[in-house]
Amino acid sequence: MIVTTKAIVLSALKYGDTSLIVKLFTACDGVKSYLLKGVLASKKGKLKKGYFQPLTQLEIVANHKNKGTLESLRDVKLAYSYKSLQTDVLKSSIALFLSEMLVVSLQEEEENVILFDFIENAFIWLDTNNEIANFHISFLIQLTTFLGFYPDDTHIDASYFDLLEGEFVPSLYNEVIEGVTLEAFKQFLKADFDEAKTIKMGRGVRAILLNNLIRYYQLHLTDFKKPRSLEILQQVFG
């Protein structure tokens, strides 16, 4: 079936000497993987390797057989041209990290327009704003809404947030968020990106909260692997 749809690049893996296998999150069919034969050798074709940087926003014409095999692309063009996300060191480090988080978080081959719109608009926000130190924290918390484990804030005044149970609790049973990190975490709940950028916290607290969130994902997603780019992100923020 030939489809025309928006898509966001999640990853690109070199295959052989001249080809790529790219994973895209599409608006029409969720996560799809494509084999791009000879794309690294061709300079005149419609499919240029520059289109497949992490989180590039595309409009694609694709052949979807929907049989669990690698699909093929017929045409590609930019749906949105980033101004700074792929050239600013901090923004590109955040983008690389979050693209890896999306690879391990998004698995479904089915339409989810609301989730697609969230991701699309989130990275346009990142591209067009300068106060971005809290963006990845806010993004990961908001993303849990779509993944089915958004924190239960019924007892938000409790002393701990239980990472395994996903709720605020008065006493210790499992791994928790606590202390000043907990107070920062609470501020992010229900906050949009504009509100999140005003949250004040030191680098140390931000780093601890990020590690807590990665552990939260690990506890709630099967086959979760910690992003390799996490160390790079921490060095850039360091």
C-alpha atoms as a PDB file:
ATOM      1  CA  MET A   1       0.000   0.000   0.000  1.00  0.00           C
ATOM      2  CA  ILE A   2       1.406   3.394  -1.001  1.00  0.00           C
ATOM      3  CA  VAL A   3       1.034   5.985   1.785  1.00  0.00           C
ATOM      4  CA  THR A   4       1.939   9.646   2.153  1.00  0.00           C
ATOM      5  CA  THR A   5       2.492  10.617   5.761  1.00  0.00           C
ATOM      6  CA  LYS A   6       4.494  12.723   8.149  1.00  0.00           C
ATOM      7  CA  ALA A   7       7.307  10.883   9.931  1.00  0.00           C
ATOM      8  CA  ILE A   8       9.954  11.574  12.573  1.00  0.00           C
ATOM      9  CA  VAL A   9      13.375   9.922  12.396  1.00  0.00           C
ATOM     10  CA  LEU A  10      14.183   7.800  15.439  1.00  0.00           C
ATOM     11  CA  SER A  11      17.402   6.120  14.310  1.00  0.00           C
ATOM     12  CA  ALA A  12      19.563   5.242  11.301  1.00  0.00           C
ATOM     13  CA  LEU A  13      21.875   2.226  11.182  1.00  0.00           C
ATOM     14  CA  LYS A  14      24.448   1.611   8.490  1.00  0.00           C
ATOM     15  CA  TYR A  15      23.779  -1.600   6.550  1.00  0.00           C
ATOM     16  CA  GLY A  16      26.619  -2.864   4.390  1.00  0.00           C
ATOM     17  CA  ASP A  17      28.809  -0.242   2.747  1.00  0.00           C
ATOM     18  CA  THR A  18      26.172   1.904   1.059  1.00  0.00           C
ATOM     19  CA  SER A  19      22.766   1.344   2.699  1.00  0.00           C
ATOM     20  CA  LEU A  20      20.857   2.392   5.804  1.00  0.00           C
ATOM     21  CA  ILE A  21      18.141   0.846   7.907  1.00  0.00           C
ATOM     22  CA  VAL A  22      16.111   3.720   9.327  1.00  0.00           C
ATOM     23  CA  LYS A  23      13.432   3.623  11.988  1.00  0.00           C
ATOM     24  CA  LEU A  24      10.701   6.240  11.683  1.00  0.00           C
ATOM     25  CA  PHE A  25       7.702   7.104  13.806  1.00  0.00           C
ATOM     26  CA  THR A  26       4.970   7.718  11.259  1.00  0.00           C
ATOM     27  CA  ALA A  27       1.705   9.565  11.750  1.00  0.00           C
ATOM     28  CA  CYS A  28      -0.280   6.884   9.902  1.00  0.00           C
ATOM     29  CA  ASP A  29       1.245   3.591  11.079  1.00  0.00           C
ATOM     30  CA  GLY A  30       3.364   4.181  14.178  1.00  0.00           C
ATOM     31  CA  VAL A  31       6.912   2.806  14.204  1.00  0.00           C
ATOM     32  CA  LYS A  32       8.182   1.496  10.854  1.00  0.00           C
ATOM     33  CA  SER A  33      11.630   0.424   9.650  1.00  0.00           C
ATOM     34  CA  TYR A  34      12.892   0.979   6.110  1.00  0.00           C
ATOM     35  CA  LEU A  35      15.789  -0.317   4.062  1.00  0.00           C
ATOM     36  CA  LEU A  36      17.379   2.448   1.996  1.00  0.00           C
ATOM     37  CA  LYS A  37      19.562   0.692  -0.564  1.00  0.00           C
ATOM     38  CA  GLY A  38      22.578   2.622  -1.828  1.00  0.00           C
ATOM     39  CA  VAL A  39      21.617   5.857  -0.089  1.00  0.00           C
ATOM     40  CA  LEU A  40      25.168   6.422   1.194  1.00  0.00           C
ATOM     41  CA  ALA A  41      26.630   6.138  -2.302  1.00  0.00           C
ATOM     42  CA  SER A  42      24.067   8.144  -4.263  1.00  0.00           C
ATOM     43  CA  LYS A  43      24.349  11.926  -4.587  1.00  0.00           C
ATOM     44  CA  LYS A  44      21.521  12.455  -7.051  1.00  0.00           C
ATOM     45  CA  GLY A  45      18.710  10.317  -5.641  1.00  0.00           C
ATOM     46  CA  LYS A  46      15.614  11.559  -3.839  1.00  0.00           C
ATOM     47  CA  LEU A  47      16.711   9.878  -0.602  1.00  0.00           C
ATOM     48  CA  LYS A  48      19.643  11.810   0.827  1.00  0.00           C
ATOM     49  CA  LYS A  49      21.398  10.624   3.979  1.00  0.00           C
ATOM     50  CA  GLY A  50      21.060  14.112   5.493  1.00  0.00           C
ATOM     51  CA  TYR A  51      17.327  13.549   5.861  1.00  0.00           C
ATOM     52  CA  PHE A  52      17.876  10.798   8.398  1.00  0.00           C
ATOM     53  CA  GLN A  53      19.459  12.608  11.342  1.00  0.00           C
ATOM     54  CA  PRO A  54      17.750  11.910  14.701  1.00  0.00           C
ATOM     55  CA  LEU A  55      14.353  13.622  15.048  1.00  0.00           C
ATOM     56  CA  THR A  56      14.312  15.107  11.547  1.00  0.00           C
ATOM     57  CA  GLN A  57      10.688  15.798  10.613  1.00  0.00           C
ATOM     58  CA  LEU A  58       9.786  14.438   7.199  1.00  0.00           C
ATOM     59  CA  GLU A  59       6.964  13.937   4.793  1.00  0.00           C
ATOM     60  CA  ILE A  60       7.399  10.567   3.117  1.00  0.00           C
ATOM     61  CA  VAL A  61       5.868   8.531   0.341  1.00  0.00           C
ATOM     62  CA  ALA A  62       6.305   4.896   1.351  1.00  0.00           C
ATOM     63  CA  ASN A  63       5.316   1.393   0.393  1.00  0.00           C
ATOM     64  CA  HIS A  64       3.894  -0.266   3.516  1.00  0.00           C
ATOM     65  CA  LYS A  65       3.396  -3.998   3.159  1.00  0.00           C
ATOM     66  CA  ASN A  66       2.642  -4.277   6.900  1.00  0.00           C
ATOM     67  CA  LYS A  67       4.064  -7.790   7.134  1.00  0.00           C
ATOM     68  CA  GLY A  68       6.650  -7.095   9.828  1.00  0.00           C
ATOM     69  CA  THR A  69       9.461  -6.798   7.280  1.00  0.00           C
ATOM     70  CA  LEU A  70      11.542  -3.810   6.225  1.00  0.00           C
ATOM     71  CA  GLU A  71       9.510  -1.309   4.217  1.00  0.00           C
ATOM     72  CA  SER A  72      10.650   0.931   1.358  1.00  0.00           C
ATOM     73  CA  LEU A  73      10.585   4.682   0.732  1.00  0.00           C
ATOM     74  CA  ARG A  74       9.719   6.236  -2.621  1.00  0.00           C
ATOM     75  CA  ASP A  75      10.151   9.904  -1.799  1.00  0.00           C
ATOM     76  CA  VAL A  76      11.179  12.100   1.116  1.00  0.00           C
ATOM     77  CA  LYS A  77      11.073  15.811   1.841  1.00  0.00           C
ATOM     78  CA  LEU A  78      11.379  17.948   4.946  1.00  0.00           C
ATOM     79  CA  ALA A  79       8.114  18.643   6.751  1.00  0.00           C
ATOM     80  CA  TYR A  80       9.842  21.117   9.078  1.00  0.00           C
ATOM     81  CA  SER A  81      13.326  22.571   8.714  1.00  0.00           C
ATOM     82  CA  TYR A  82      15.082  22.940  12.071  1.00  0.00           C
ATOM     83  CA  LYS A  83      16.823  26.247  12.658  1.00  0.00           C
ATOM     84  CA  SER A  84      19.086  25.267  15.567  1.00  0.00           C
ATOM     85  CA  LEU A  85      18.243  21.806  16.919  1.00  0.00           C
ATOM     86  CA  GLN A  86      20.844  19.977  14.835  1.00  0.00           C
ATOM     87  CA  THR A  87      23.597  22.622  15.062  1.00  0.00           C
ATOM     88  CA  ASP A  88      23.396  23.850  18.672  1.00  0.00           C
ATOM     89  CA  VAL A  89      25.549  21.514  20.798  1.00  0.00           C
ATOM     90  CA  LEU A  90      23.189  21.384  23.780  1.00  0.00           C
ATOM     91  CA  LYS A  91      20.052  20.982  21.683  1.00  0.00           C
ATOM     92  CA  SER A  92      21.590  18.285  19.489  1.00  0.00           C
ATOM     93  CA  SER A  93      22.775  16.409  22.600  1.00  0.00           C
ATOM     94  CA  ILE A  94      19.248  16.533  24.019  1.00  0.00           C
ATOM     95  CA  ALA A  95      17.835  15.420  20.658  1.00  0.00           C
ATOM     96  CA  LEU A  96      20.210  12.457  20.401  1.00  0.00           C
ATOM     97  CA  PHE A  97      19.411  11.344  23.946  1.00  0.00           C
ATOM     98  CA  LEU A  98      15.646  11.658  23.491  1.00  0.00           C
ATOM     99  CA  SER A  99      15.722   9.907  20.118  1.00  0.00           C
ATOM    100  CA  GLU A 100      17.328   6.924  21.877  1.00  0.00           C
ATOM    101  CA  MET A 101      14.667   7.084  24.584  1.00  0.00           C
ATOM    102  CA  LEU A 102      11.970   7.084  21.914  1.00  0.00           C
ATOM    103  CA  VAL A 103      13.516   4.071  20.165  1.00  0.00           C
ATOM    104  CA  VAL A 104      13.186   1.969  23.325  1.00  0.00           C
ATOM    105  CA  SER A 105       9.811   3.460  24.302  1.00  0.00           C
ATOM    106  CA  LEU A 106       7.876   3.370  21.015  1.00  0.00           C
ATOM    107  CA  GLN A 107       7.221  -0.101  19.674  1.00  0.00           C
ATOM    108  CA  GLU A 108       3.690  -0.132  18.301  1.00  0.00           C
ATOM    109  CA  GLU A 109       2.971  -0.341  14.576  1.00  0.00           C
ATOM    110  CA  GLU A 110      -0.339   1.468  14.772  1.00  0.00           C
ATOM    111  CA  GLU A 111      -1.680   4.970  14.272  1.00  0.00           C
ATOM    112  CA  ASN A 112      -1.399   7.329  17.241  1.00  0.00           C
ATOM    113  CA  VAL A 113      -1.980  10.839  15.955  1.00  0.00           C
ATOM    114  CA  ILE A 114      -2.092  12.443  19.412  1.00  0.00           C
ATOM    115  CA  LEU A 115       1.308  11.011  20.326  1.00  0.00           C
ATOM    116  CA  PHE A 116       2.750  11.985  16.954  1.00  0.00           C
ATOM    117  CA  ASP A 117       1.508  15.560  17.380  1.00  0.00           C
ATOM    118  CA  PHE A 118       3.044  15.730  20.861  1.00  0.00           C
ATOM    119  CA  ILE A 119       6.481  14.622  19.631  1.00  0.00           C
ATOM    120  CA  GLU A 120       6.319  16.816  16.533  1.00  0.00           C
ATOM    121  CA  ASN A 121       5.382  19.948  18.487  1.00  0.00           C
ATOM    122  CA  ALA A 122       7.803  19.189  21.324  1.00  0.00           C
ATOM    123  CA  PHE A 123      10.846  19.284  19.077  1.00  0.00           C
ATOM    124  CA  ILE A 124       9.651  22.357  17.247  1.00  0.00           C
ATOM    125  CA  TRP A 125       9.450  23.964  20.704  1.00  0.00           C
ATOM    126  CA  LEU A 126      13.017  22.825  21.459  1.00  0.00           C
ATOM    127  CA  ASP A 127      14.185  24.215  18.127  1.00  0.00           C
ATOM    128  CA  THR A 128      12.633  27.634  18.660  1.00  0.00           C
ATOM    129  CA  ASN A 129      13.379  28.248  22.355  1.00  0.00           C
ATOM    130  CA  ASN A 130      16.594  29.089  24.168  1.00  0.00           C
ATOM    131  CA  GLU A 131      15.817  28.210  27.812  1.00  0.00           C
ATOM    132  CA  ILE A 132      15.999  24.446  27.371  1.00  0.00           C
ATOM    133  CA  ALA A 133      17.898  23.036  30.379  1.00  0.00           C
ATOM    134  CA  ASN A 134      14.709  21.386  31.711  1.00  0.00           C
ATOM    135  CA  PHE A 135      13.286  20.273  28.366  1.00  0.00           C
ATOM    136  CA  HIS A 136      14.353  16.618  28.466  1.00  0.00           C
ATOM    137  CA  ILE A 137      13.001  16.214  32.007  1.00  0.00           C
ATOM    138  CA  SER A 138       9.637  17.669  31.030  1.00  0.00           C
ATOM    139  CA  PHE A 139       9.525  15.648  27.808  1.00  0.00           C
ATOM    140  CA  LEU A 140      10.133  12.327  29.550  1.00  0.00           C
ATOM    141  CA  ILE A 141       7.454  13.024  32.168  1.00  0.00           C
ATOM    142  CA  GLN A 142       4.878  14.117  29.576  1.00  0.00           C
ATOM    143  CA  LEU A 143       5.696  11.131  27.368  1.00  0.00           C
ATOM    144  CA  THR A 144       4.630   8.725  30.129  1.00  0.00           C
ATOM    145  CA  THR A 145       1.061   9.943  29.575  1.00  0.00           C
ATOM    146  CA  PHE A 146       1.087   8.168  26.207  1.00  0.00           C
ATOM    147  CA  LEU A 147       3.024   5.134  27.418  1.00  0.00           C
ATOM    148  CA  GLY A 148       0.562   4.337  30.204  1.00  0.00           C
ATOM    149  CA  PHE A 149       2.565   5.054  33.349  1.00  0.00           C
ATOM    150  CA  TYR A 150       2.122   8.759  34.059  1.00  0.00           C
ATOM    151  CA  PRO A 151       2.726   9.331  37.796  1.00  0.00           C
ATOM    152  CA  ASP A 152      -0.345   9.010  40.010  1.00  0.00           C
ATOM    153  CA  ASP A 153      -0.431  12.266  41.977  1.00  0.00           C
ATOM    154  CA  THR A 154      -3.418  11.400  44.192  1.00  0.00           C
ATOM    155  CA  HIS A 155      -1.237  11.601  47.304  1.00  0.00           C
ATOM    156  CA  ILE A 156       1.229  14.184  46.034  1.00  0.00           C
ATOM    157  CA  ASP A 157       1.918  15.536  49.537  1.00  0.00           C
ATOM    158  CA  ALA A 158       3.460  12.218  50.632  1.00  0.00           C
ATOM    159  CA  SER A 159       7.189  12.075  51.399  1.00  0.00           C
ATOM    160  CA  TYR A 160       8.293   9.787  48.561  1.00  0.00           C
ATOM    161  CA  PHE A 161       7.523   8.848  44.970  1.00  0.00           C
ATOM    162  CA  ASP A 162       7.650   5.075  44.529  1.00  0.00           C
ATOM    163  CA  LEU A 163       9.243   4.342  41.142  1.00  0.00           C
ATOM    164  CA  LEU A 164       7.884   0.798  40.899  1.00  0.00           C
ATOM    165  CA  GLU A 165       4.307   1.621  41.901  1.00  0.00           C
ATOM    166  CA  GLY A 166       4.261   4.988  40.106  1.00  0.00           C
ATOM    167  CA  GLU A 167       2.640   6.836  42.999  1.00  0.00           C
ATOM    168  CA  PHE A 168       3.418   9.035  45.974  1.00  0.00           C
ATOM    169  CA  VAL A 169       3.746   7.092  49.222  1.00  0.00           C
ATOM    170  CA  PRO A 170       4.326   7.946  52.919  1.00  0.00           C
ATOM    171  CA  SER A 171       7.018   5.340  53.593  1.00  0.00           C
ATOM    172  CA  LEU A 172       9.813   3.413  51.911  1.00  0.00           C
ATOM    173  CA  TYR A 173       9.114   0.105  50.178  1.00  0.00           C
ATOM    174  CA  ASN A 174      10.838   0.280  46.791  1.00  0.00           C
ATOM    175  CA  GLU A 175      13.193   2.668  44.984  1.00  0.00           C
ATOM    176  CA  VAL A 176      11.991   6.244  45.448  1.00  0.00           C
ATOM    177  CA  ILE A 177      12.438   9.880  44.546  1.00  0.00           C
ATOM    178  CA  GLU A 178      12.853  11.909  47.713  1.00  0.00           C
ATOM    179  CA  GLY A 179      14.046  15.160  49.254  1.00  0.00           C
ATOM    180  CA  VAL A 180      14.840  18.180  47.082  1.00  0.00           C
ATOM    181  CA  THR A 181      14.688  15.993  43.969  1.00  0.00           C
ATOM    182  CA  LEU A 182      11.105  15.064  44.853  1.00  0.00           C
ATOM    183  CA  GLU A 183      10.154  18.732  45.231  1.00  0.00           C
ATOM    184  CA  ALA A 184      11.554  19.467  41.761  1.00  0.00           C
ATOM    185  CA  PHE A 185       9.785  16.417  40.330  1.00  0.00           C
ATOM    186  CA  LYS A 186       6.427  17.617  41.682  1.00  0.00           C
ATOM    187  CA  GLN A 187       6.801  20.932  39.875  1.00  0.00           C
ATOM    188  CA  PHE A 188       7.101  19.193  36.520  1.00  0.00           C
ATOM    189  CA  LEU A 189       3.828  17.318  36.900  1.00  0.00           C
ATOM    190  CA  LYS A 190       1.097  18.958  34.794  1.00  0.00           C
ATOM    191  CA  ALA A 191       3.619  21.572  33.554  1.00  0.00           C
ATOM    192  CA  ASP A 192       3.948  22.300  29.842  1.00  0.00           C
ATOM    193  CA  PHE A 193       7.316  23.196  28.273  1.00  0.00           C
ATOM    194  CA  ASP A 194       6.869  26.934  28.863  1.00  0.00           C
ATOM    195  CA  GLU A 195       6.084  26.350  32.533  1.00  0.00           C
ATOM    196  CA  ALA A 196       8.845  23.765  32.928  1.00  0.00           C
ATOM    197  CA  LYS A 197      11.559  26.137  31.751  1.00  0.00           C
ATOM    198  CA  THR A 198      10.888  28.396  34.762  1.00  0.00           C
ATOM    199  CA  ILE A 199      11.546  25.607  37.301  1.00  0.00           C
ATOM    200  CA  LYS A 200      14.728  26.353  39.223  1.00  0.00           C
ATOM    201  CA  MET A 201      17.087  23.550  40.246  1.00  0.00           C
ATOM    202  CA  GLY A 202      20.807  22.958  40.314  1.00  0.00           C
ATOM    203  CA  ARG A 203      22.713  20.712  37.939  1.00  0.00           C
ATOM    204  CA  GLY A 204      23.159  18.068  40.605  1.00  0.00           C
ATOM    205  CA  VAL A 205      19.430  17.822  41.295  1.00  0.00           C
ATOM    206  CA  ARG A 206      18.668  17.784  37.576  1.00  0.00           C
ATOM    207  CA  ALA A 207      21.126  14.926  37.042  1.00  0.00           C
ATOM    208  CA  ILE A 208      19.661  12.901  39.916  1.00  0.00           C
ATOM    209  CA  LEU A 209      16.110  13.494  38.670  1.00  0.00           C
ATOM    210  CA  LEU A 210      17.075  12.418  35.154  1.00  0.00           C
ATOM    211  CA  ASN A 211      18.605   9.203  36.484  1.00  0.00           C
ATOM    212  CA  ASN A 212      15.450   8.594  38.520  1.00  0.00           C
ATOM    213  CA  LEU A 213      13.313   9.038  35.403  1.00  0.00           C
ATOM    214  CA  ILE A 214      15.465   6.657  33.385  1.00  0.00           C
ATOM    215  CA  ARG A 215      15.081   4.092  36.174  1.00  0.00           C
ATOM    216  CA  TYR A 216      11.314   4.743  36.136  1.00  0.00           C
ATOM    217  CA  TYR A 217      11.218   3.929  32.435  1.00  0.00           C
ATOM    218  CA  GLN A 218      13.363   0.854  33.004  1.00  0.00           C
ATOM    219  CA  LEU A 219      10.911  -0.454  35.592  1.00  0.00           C
ATOM    220  CA  HIS A 220       7.872   0.083  33.373  1.00  0.00           C
ATOM    221  CA  LEU A 221       9.104  -0.892  29.897  1.00  0.00           C
ATOM    222  CA  THR A 222      10.205  -4.349  28.820  1.00  0.00           C
ATOM    223  CA  ASP A 223      13.622  -4.747  27.171  1.00  0.00           C
ATOM    224  CA  PHE A 224      14.613  -1.214  28.170  1.00  0.00           C
ATOM    225  CA  LYS A 225      18.239  -0.274  27.485  1.00  0.00           C
ATOM    226  CA  LYS A 226      19.874   2.814  28.974  1.00  0.00           C
ATOM    227  CA  PRO A 227      20.718   5.306  26.183  1.00  0.00           C
ATOM    228  CA  ARG A 228      24.386   5.367  25.192  1.00  0.00           C
ATOM    229  CA  SER A 229      24.152   9.137  24.708  1.00  0.00           C
ATOM    230  CA  LEU A 230      23.295   9.753  28.381  1.00  0.00           C
ATOM    231  CA  GLU A 231      26.957  10.236  29.262  1.00  0.00           C
ATOM    232  CA  ILE A 232      27.361  12.780  26.458  1.00  0.00           C
ATOM    233  CA  LEU A 233      24.317  14.690  27.679  1.00  0.00           C
ATOM    234  CA  GLN A 234      25.648  14.753  31.229  1.00  0.00           C
ATOM    235  CA  GLN A 235      29.031  16.026  30.020  1.00  0.00           C
ATOM    236  CA  VAL A 236      27.411  18.835  28.027  1.00  0.00           C
ATOM    237  CA  PHE A 237      25.354  19.872  31.042  1.00  0.00           C
ATOM    238  CA  GLY A 238      28.351  19.306  33.355  1.00  0.00           C
END
